[in-house]
Amino acid sequence: MEDNKKLSFTYFGDIRIERANVRVIEIGAGSLKFAIDERYPHYIKVYIGDNSDEGFEYIDDILGLDQKINDDEFMTIVLNYCVQHVEFITNKAMEERVQNYYKKLEKENKKVKQILSQYTDEQLLNEVNERGLLGGN
């Protein structure tokens, strides 16, 4: 935030300062994060690393927890969640998936180019104008 700007908000009464502990389990060097806030002990928030400035994006809640769970119970819940909802793959497998995706895109692009090559530039431009795809109509 810039130094000369201030936040504006509506004041609704007493100013309270709350402190809380948040327990966190991270899996995969910042790939998955599970957080339980002592103020809200009935659920665990699940985040996935998203390469943003914040580093994580909220994706899910694990609900229905007992009031107080210890660290071992927390770890067990997280691992059970991972078994049920997370597919762990190696870097090599991920690279293969990405390569396959780009190969598929390349095939689709060749098909589109083949179809478009049947028409002249003038025919394509007329079709685009008739459909209003350039936004000028």
N, C-alpha and C. Protein backbone atom coordinates (compact mmCIF):
# COMPACT_ATOMS: atom_id res chain seq x y z
N MET A 1 0.85 -1.17 0.00
CA MET A 1 0.00 0.00 0.00
C MET A 1 0.89 1.23 0.00
N GLU A 2 0.45 2.22 -0.71
CA GLU A 2 1.23 3.46 -0.79
C GLU A 2 1.20 4.17 0.56
N ASP A 3 2.27 4.89 0.87
CA ASP A 3 2.39 5.57 2.15
C ASP A 3 1.33 6.65 2.36
N ASN A 4 0.91 7.31 1.31
CA ASN A 4 -0.03 8.42 1.47
C ASN A 4 -1.49 7.99 1.42
N LYS A 5 -1.76 6.70 1.33
CA LYS A 5 -3.15 6.22 1.31
C LYS A 5 -3.50 5.58 2.64
N LYS A 6 -4.77 5.72 3.01
CA LYS A 6 -5.28 5.08 4.22
C LYS A 6 -6.49 4.26 3.85
N LEU A 7 -6.70 3.18 4.59
CA LEU A 7 -7.88 2.35 4.39
C LEU A 7 -9.08 3.03 5.00
N SER A 8 -10.23 2.88 4.38
CA SER A 8 -11.49 3.38 4.94
C SER A 8 -12.36 2.19 5.30
N PHE A 9 -12.94 2.25 6.49
CA PHE A 9 -13.87 1.19 6.87
C PHE A 9 -14.89 1.77 7.83
N THR A 10 -16.01 1.06 7.94
CA THR A 10 -17.08 1.50 8.83
C THR A 10 -16.82 0.96 10.23
N TYR A 11 -16.86 1.81 11.21
CA TYR A 11 -16.60 1.45 12.60
C TYR A 11 -17.91 1.01 13.24
N PHE A 12 -17.93 -0.17 13.84
CA PHE A 12 -19.14 -0.74 14.44
C PHE A 12 -19.04 -0.93 15.95
N GLY A 13 -18.28 -0.16 16.65
CA GLY A 13 -18.23 -0.31 18.10
C GLY A 13 -16.83 -0.46 18.62
N ASP A 14 -16.69 -1.25 19.66
CA ASP A 14 -15.40 -1.43 20.33
C ASP A 14 -14.34 -2.00 19.40
N ILE A 15 -13.14 -1.57 19.65
CA ILE A 15 -12.00 -2.14 18.93
C ILE A 15 -11.49 -3.29 19.79
N ARG A 16 -11.47 -4.46 19.17
CA ARG A 16 -10.97 -5.65 19.87
C ARG A 16 -9.73 -6.15 19.17
N ILE A 17 -8.79 -6.55 19.94
CA ILE A 17 -7.59 -7.16 19.39
C ILE A 17 -7.63 -8.63 19.78
N GLU A 18 -7.64 -9.48 18.77
CA GLU A 18 -7.65 -10.92 19.01
C GLU A 18 -6.35 -11.52 18.53
N ARG A 19 -5.88 -12.45 19.30
CA ARG A 19 -4.71 -13.21 18.89
C ARG A 19 -5.14 -14.66 18.78
N ALA A 20 -4.54 -15.34 17.84
CA ALA A 20 -4.89 -16.75 17.64
C ALA A 20 -3.69 -17.51 17.10
N ASN A 21 -3.69 -18.78 17.39
CA ASN A 21 -2.68 -19.67 16.85
C ASN A 21 -3.27 -20.43 15.68
N VAL A 22 -2.50 -20.55 14.63
CA VAL A 22 -2.90 -21.33 13.48
C VAL A 22 -1.86 -22.43 13.29
N ARG A 23 -2.33 -23.67 13.35
CA ARG A 23 -1.43 -24.80 13.11
C ARG A 23 -1.47 -25.13 11.62
N VAL A 24 -0.30 -25.40 11.06
CA VAL A 24 -0.19 -25.62 9.62
C VAL A 24 0.61 -26.88 9.35
N ILE A 25 0.14 -27.63 8.36
CA ILE A 25 0.91 -28.74 7.81
C ILE A 25 1.08 -28.45 6.33
N GLU A 26 2.33 -28.44 5.86
CA GLU A 26 2.61 -28.25 4.44
C GLU A 26 3.18 -29.55 3.89
N ILE A 27 2.70 -29.89 2.70
CA ILE A 27 3.16 -31.11 2.03
C ILE A 27 3.74 -30.69 0.68
N GLY A 28 4.93 -31.19 0.39
CA GLY A 28 5.51 -30.94 -0.93
C GLY A 28 6.10 -29.56 -1.09
N ALA A 29 6.79 -29.07 -0.11
CA ALA A 29 7.51 -27.78 -0.20
C ALA A 29 6.61 -26.68 -0.73
N GLY A 30 5.48 -26.50 -0.10
CA GLY A 30 4.59 -25.42 -0.48
C GLY A 30 3.56 -25.78 -1.53
N SER A 31 3.41 -27.05 -1.85
CA SER A 31 2.41 -27.45 -2.84
C SER A 31 1.02 -27.53 -2.22
N LEU A 32 0.92 -28.08 -1.03
CA LEU A 32 -0.34 -28.19 -0.31
C LEU A 32 -0.16 -27.66 1.09
N LYS A 33 -1.17 -26.95 1.57
CA LYS A 33 -1.11 -26.44 2.94
C LYS A 33 -2.46 -26.70 3.61
N PHE A 34 -2.41 -27.18 4.83
CA PHE A 34 -3.59 -27.43 5.65
C PHE A 34 -3.46 -26.58 6.90
N ALA A 35 -4.49 -25.79 7.21
CA ALA A 35 -4.40 -24.87 8.34
C ALA A 35 -5.64 -24.99 9.22
N ILE A 36 -5.41 -25.06 10.52
CA ILE A 36 -6.51 -25.07 11.48
C ILE A 36 -6.28 -23.89 12.44
N ASP A 37 -7.27 -23.03 12.50
CA ASP A 37 -7.23 -21.81 13.32
C ASP A 37 -7.94 -22.11 14.64
N GLU A 38 -7.30 -21.80 15.75
CA GLU A 38 -7.90 -22.11 17.05
C GLU A 38 -9.21 -21.36 17.28
N ARG A 39 -9.44 -20.25 16.57
CA ARG A 39 -10.72 -19.53 16.69
C ARG A 39 -11.86 -20.28 16.02
N TYR A 40 -11.52 -21.09 15.02
CA TYR A 40 -12.52 -21.84 14.25
C TYR A 40 -12.10 -23.31 14.22
N PRO A 41 -12.23 -24.01 15.34
CA PRO A 41 -11.63 -25.34 15.45
C PRO A 41 -12.42 -26.47 14.78
N HIS A 42 -13.54 -26.16 14.15
CA HIS A 42 -14.37 -27.24 13.59
C HIS A 42 -14.07 -27.55 12.13
N TYR A 43 -13.08 -26.87 11.55
CA TYR A 43 -12.71 -27.19 10.17
C TYR A 43 -11.25 -26.85 9.90
N ILE A 44 -10.72 -27.51 8.88
CA ILE A 44 -9.36 -27.28 8.41
C ILE A 44 -9.47 -26.67 7.01
N LYS A 45 -8.76 -25.60 6.76
CA LYS A 45 -8.73 -24.99 5.43
C LYS A 45 -7.61 -25.65 4.62
N VAL A 46 -7.93 -25.94 3.35
CA VAL A 46 -6.97 -26.59 2.46
C VAL A 46 -6.59 -25.59 1.36
N TYR A 47 -5.30 -25.44 1.13
CA TYR A 47 -4.78 -24.52 0.12
C TYR A 47 -3.84 -25.28 -0.82
N ILE A 48 -3.73 -24.78 -2.03
CA ILE A 48 -2.77 -25.34 -2.98
C ILE A 48 -1.85 -24.22 -3.44
N GLY A 49 -0.58 -24.53 -3.59
CA GLY A 49 0.38 -23.55 -4.06
C GLY A 49 0.01 -23.07 -5.46
N ASP A 50 0.04 -21.75 -5.68
CA ASP A 50 -0.39 -21.22 -6.98
C ASP A 50 0.61 -20.27 -7.62
N ASN A 51 1.81 -20.21 -7.11
CA ASN A 51 2.87 -19.36 -7.67
C ASN A 51 2.52 -17.87 -7.70
N SER A 52 1.57 -17.44 -6.86
CA SER A 52 1.24 -16.02 -6.78
C SER A 52 2.09 -15.38 -5.69
N ASP A 53 1.89 -14.08 -5.49
CA ASP A 53 2.61 -13.40 -4.41
C ASP A 53 2.25 -13.99 -3.06
N GLU A 54 0.98 -14.35 -2.88
CA GLU A 54 0.55 -14.93 -1.62
C GLU A 54 1.05 -16.35 -1.49
N GLY A 55 1.20 -17.05 -2.61
CA GLY A 55 1.75 -18.39 -2.59
C GLY A 55 0.73 -19.51 -2.55
N PHE A 56 -0.48 -19.24 -2.07
CA PHE A 56 -1.47 -20.30 -1.95
C PHE A 56 -2.85 -19.80 -2.34
N GLU A 57 -3.65 -20.72 -2.85
CA GLU A 57 -5.04 -20.44 -3.19
C GLU A 57 -5.91 -21.39 -2.39
N TYR A 58 -6.96 -20.87 -1.75
CA TYR A 58 -7.89 -21.68 -0.99
C TYR A 58 -8.63 -22.61 -1.94
N ILE A 59 -8.75 -23.91 -1.58
CA ILE A 59 -9.47 -24.84 -2.45
C ILE A 59 -10.56 -25.64 -1.75
N ASP A 60 -10.48 -25.82 -0.42
CA ASP A 60 -11.45 -26.72 0.22
C ASP A 60 -11.43 -26.54 1.74
N ASP A 61 -12.46 -27.09 2.39
CA ASP A 61 -12.53 -27.20 3.85
C ASP A 61 -12.69 -28.66 4.22
N ILE A 62 -12.09 -29.05 5.31
CA ILE A 62 -12.36 -30.34 5.92
C ILE A 62 -13.21 -30.03 7.14
N LEU A 63 -14.46 -30.48 7.11
CA LEU A 63 -15.45 -30.09 8.12
C LEU A 63 -15.67 -31.18 9.16
N GLY A 64 -16.40 -30.81 10.22
CA GLY A 64 -16.88 -31.77 11.21
C GLY A 64 -15.85 -32.25 12.19
N LEU A 65 -14.94 -31.39 12.58
CA LEU A 65 -13.90 -31.80 13.53
C LEU A 65 -14.39 -31.63 14.97
N ASP A 66 -13.80 -32.41 15.86
CA ASP A 66 -14.05 -32.21 17.29
C ASP A 66 -13.43 -30.88 17.70
N GLN A 67 -13.89 -30.36 18.83
CA GLN A 67 -13.45 -29.05 19.32
C GLN A 67 -11.93 -28.92 19.34
N LYS A 68 -11.26 -29.84 19.96
CA LYS A 68 -9.80 -29.78 20.09
C LYS A 68 -9.20 -31.07 19.54
N ILE A 69 -8.37 -30.95 18.54
CA ILE A 69 -7.66 -32.12 18.05
C ILE A 69 -6.17 -31.89 18.28
N ASN A 70 -5.48 -32.96 18.61
CA ASN A 70 -4.04 -32.83 18.86
C ASN A 70 -3.29 -32.93 17.53
N ASP A 71 -1.99 -32.77 17.58
CA ASP A 71 -1.18 -32.76 16.36
C ASP A 71 -1.24 -34.09 15.61
N ASP A 72 -1.26 -35.20 16.35
CA ASP A 72 -1.34 -36.52 15.70
C ASP A 72 -2.67 -36.69 14.97
N GLU A 73 -3.76 -36.25 15.58
CA GLU A 73 -5.07 -36.33 14.93
C GLU A 73 -5.11 -35.41 13.70
N PHE A 74 -4.52 -34.24 13.83
CA PHE A 74 -4.44 -33.31 12.72
C PHE A 74 -3.70 -33.95 11.54
N MET A 75 -2.57 -34.56 11.80
CA MET A 75 -1.78 -35.23 10.76
C MET A 75 -2.58 -36.37 10.13
N THR A 76 -3.28 -37.15 10.94
CA THR A 76 -4.07 -38.27 10.42
C THR A 76 -5.18 -37.78 9.49
N ILE A 77 -5.86 -36.72 9.89
CA ILE A 77 -6.93 -36.15 9.06
C ILE A 77 -6.37 -35.66 7.73
N VAL A 78 -5.23 -34.98 7.78
CA VAL A 78 -4.59 -34.47 6.57
C VAL A 78 -4.19 -35.62 5.64
N LEU A 79 -3.56 -36.64 6.19
CA LEU A 79 -3.14 -37.77 5.36
C LEU A 79 -4.33 -38.51 4.76
N ASN A 80 -5.40 -38.68 5.54
CA ASN A 80 -6.62 -39.30 5.00
C ASN A 80 -7.20 -38.47 3.86
N TYR A 81 -7.19 -37.14 4.02
CA TYR A 81 -7.67 -36.25 2.97
C TYR A 81 -6.84 -36.46 1.69
N CYS A 82 -5.52 -36.53 1.87
CA CYS A 82 -4.64 -36.71 0.72
C CYS A 82 -4.91 -38.03 0.01
N VAL A 83 -5.11 -39.09 0.76
CA VAL A 83 -5.39 -40.40 0.17
C VAL A 83 -6.68 -40.35 -0.65
N GLN A 84 -7.68 -39.64 -0.15
CA GLN A 84 -8.98 -39.60 -0.81
C GLN A 84 -9.05 -38.58 -1.96
N HIS A 85 -8.31 -37.48 -1.87
CA HIS A 85 -8.53 -36.36 -2.79
C HIS A 85 -7.32 -35.89 -3.59
N VAL A 86 -6.15 -36.45 -3.35
CA VAL A 86 -4.94 -35.93 -3.99
C VAL A 86 -4.25 -37.04 -4.76
N GLU A 87 -3.87 -36.73 -6.00
CA GLU A 87 -3.07 -37.64 -6.80
C GLU A 87 -1.64 -37.11 -6.80
N PHE A 88 -0.74 -37.84 -6.21
CA PHE A 88 0.66 -37.44 -6.17
C PHE A 88 1.35 -38.02 -7.40
N ILE A 89 2.01 -37.15 -8.15
CA ILE A 89 2.73 -37.61 -9.34
C ILE A 89 4.15 -37.06 -9.30
N THR A 90 5.03 -37.73 -10.03
CA THR A 90 6.42 -37.31 -10.07
C THR A 90 6.58 -36.16 -11.06
N ASN A 91 7.71 -35.48 -10.99
CA ASN A 91 8.01 -34.42 -11.95
C ASN A 91 8.03 -34.97 -13.37
N LYS A 92 8.58 -36.17 -13.53
CA LYS A 92 8.66 -36.78 -14.86
C LYS A 92 7.25 -37.01 -15.41
N ALA A 93 6.35 -37.53 -14.57
CA ALA A 93 4.98 -37.76 -15.01
C ALA A 93 4.29 -36.45 -15.38
N MET A 94 4.54 -35.40 -14.60
CA MET A 94 3.94 -34.10 -14.89
C MET A 94 4.48 -33.56 -16.22
N GLU A 95 5.78 -33.70 -16.45
CA GLU A 95 6.36 -33.26 -17.71
C GLU A 95 5.74 -34.01 -18.88
N GLU A 96 5.52 -35.32 -18.72
CA GLU A 96 4.89 -36.11 -19.78
C GLU A 96 3.47 -35.62 -20.04
N ARG A 97 2.72 -35.30 -19.00
CA ARG A 97 1.36 -34.79 -19.17
C ARG A 97 1.37 -33.47 -19.93
N VAL A 98 2.30 -32.60 -19.58
CA VAL A 98 2.40 -31.30 -20.25
C VAL A 98 2.77 -31.50 -21.72
N GLN A 99 3.73 -32.38 -21.99
CA GLN A 99 4.12 -32.65 -23.38
C GLN A 99 2.94 -33.21 -24.17
N ASN A 100 2.20 -34.15 -23.59
CA ASN A 100 1.04 -34.72 -24.26
C ASN A 100 -0.02 -33.67 -24.53
N TYR A 101 -0.20 -32.75 -23.59
CA TYR A 101 -1.17 -31.67 -23.77
C TYR A 101 -0.77 -30.81 -24.96
N TYR A 102 0.52 -30.45 -25.05
CA TYR A 102 0.98 -29.61 -26.16
C TYR A 102 0.91 -30.36 -27.49
N LYS A 103 1.16 -31.67 -27.48
CA LYS A 103 1.02 -32.46 -28.71
C LYS A 103 -0.43 -32.45 -29.17
N LYS A 104 -1.36 -32.58 -28.23
CA LYS A 104 -2.78 -32.55 -28.56
C LYS A 104 -3.16 -31.19 -29.15
N LEU A 105 -2.68 -30.11 -28.52
CA LEU A 105 -2.95 -28.77 -29.05
C LEU A 105 -2.39 -28.60 -30.46
N GLU A 106 -1.21 -29.14 -30.68
CA GLU A 106 -0.58 -29.03 -31.99
C GLU A 106 -1.42 -29.75 -33.05
N LYS A 107 -1.94 -30.93 -32.71
CA LYS A 107 -2.81 -31.67 -33.64
C LYS A 107 -4.07 -30.87 -33.94
N GLU A 108 -4.67 -30.31 -32.91
CA GLU A 108 -5.89 -29.52 -33.09
C GLU A 108 -5.61 -28.29 -33.96
N ASN A 109 -4.47 -27.65 -33.74
CA ASN A 109 -4.10 -26.49 -34.55
C ASN A 109 -3.91 -26.87 -36.01
N LYS A 110 -3.31 -28.05 -36.27
CA LYS A 110 -3.13 -28.50 -37.65
C LYS A 110 -4.48 -28.71 -38.32
N LYS A 111 -5.44 -29.29 -37.56
CA LYS A 111 -6.78 -29.51 -38.12
C LYS A 111 -7.45 -28.18 -38.46
N VAL A 112 -7.33 -27.21 -37.55
CA VAL A 112 -7.93 -25.90 -37.78
C VAL A 112 -7.29 -25.25 -39.00
N LYS A 113 -5.95 -25.31 -39.10
CA LYS A 113 -5.26 -24.72 -40.24
C LYS A 113 -5.68 -25.38 -41.54
N GLN A 114 -5.87 -26.71 -41.50
CA GLN A 114 -6.29 -27.44 -42.69
C GLN A 114 -7.68 -26.99 -43.13
N ILE A 115 -8.58 -26.85 -42.18
CA ILE A 115 -9.94 -26.41 -42.49
C ILE A 115 -9.92 -24.98 -43.04
N LEU A 116 -9.18 -24.10 -42.38
CA LEU A 116 -9.13 -22.71 -42.81
C LEU A 116 -8.45 -22.53 -44.16
N SER A 117 -7.53 -23.43 -44.50
CA SER A 117 -6.82 -23.31 -45.78
C SER A 117 -7.74 -23.51 -46.98
N GLN A 118 -8.93 -24.05 -46.77
CA GLN A 118 -9.90 -24.26 -47.84
C GLN A 118 -10.56 -22.95 -48.27
N TYR A 119 -10.39 -21.89 -47.49
CA TYR A 119 -11.06 -20.62 -47.75
C TYR A 119 -10.04 -19.54 -48.06
N THR A 120 -10.48 -18.58 -48.86
CA THR A 120 -9.62 -17.42 -49.13
C THR A 120 -9.70 -16.46 -47.94
N ASP A 121 -8.74 -15.55 -47.89
CA ASP A 121 -8.74 -14.54 -46.83
C ASP A 121 -10.02 -13.71 -46.89
N GLU A 122 -10.46 -13.42 -48.10
CA GLU A 122 -11.67 -12.61 -48.27
C GLU A 122 -12.90 -13.35 -47.73
N GLN A 123 -13.00 -14.65 -47.99
CA GLN A 123 -14.12 -15.44 -47.49
C GLN A 123 -14.11 -15.46 -45.95
N LEU A 124 -12.93 -15.63 -45.38
CA LEU A 124 -12.83 -15.67 -43.91
C LEU A 124 -13.20 -14.33 -43.31
N LEU A 125 -12.73 -13.24 -43.90
CA LEU A 125 -13.04 -11.91 -43.40
C LEU A 125 -14.53 -11.62 -43.49
N ASN A 126 -15.16 -12.01 -44.61
CA ASN A 126 -16.62 -11.83 -44.74
C ASN A 126 -17.37 -12.61 -43.67
N GLU A 127 -16.94 -13.82 -43.41
CA GLU A 127 -17.61 -14.65 -42.39
C GLU A 127 -17.46 -14.02 -41.00
N VAL A 128 -16.28 -13.53 -40.70
CA VAL A 128 -16.04 -12.87 -39.42
C VAL A 128 -16.91 -11.63 -39.29
N ASN A 129 -17.00 -10.85 -40.35
CA ASN A 129 -17.83 -9.63 -40.32
C ASN A 129 -19.31 -9.97 -40.18
N GLU A 130 -19.78 -11.00 -40.90
CA GLU A 130 -21.20 -11.39 -40.83
C GLU A 130 -21.58 -11.83 -39.42
N ARG A 131 -20.66 -12.49 -38.74
CA ARG A 131 -20.94 -12.96 -37.37
C ARG A 131 -20.68 -11.89 -36.32
N GLY A 132 -20.11 -10.78 -36.74
CA GLY A 132 -19.84 -9.70 -35.79
C GLY A 132 -18.73 -10.03 -34.81
N LEU A 133 -17.78 -10.83 -35.25
CA LEU A 133 -16.70 -11.27 -34.35
C LEU A 133 -15.63 -10.22 -34.12
N LEU A 134 -15.60 -9.19 -34.93
CA LEU A 134 -14.61 -8.13 -34.73
C LEU A 134 -15.10 -7.04 -33.80
N GLY A 135 -16.36 -7.10 -33.42
CA GLY A 135 -16.91 -6.15 -32.46
C GLY A 135 -17.32 -4.82 -33.04
N GLY A 136 -17.08 -4.59 -34.29
CA GLY A 136 -17.41 -3.31 -34.89
C GLY A 136 -18.85 -3.19 -35.36
N ASN A 137 -19.58 -4.29 -35.44
CA ASN A 137 -20.94 -4.26 -35.99
C ASN A 137 -21.98 -4.16 -34.93
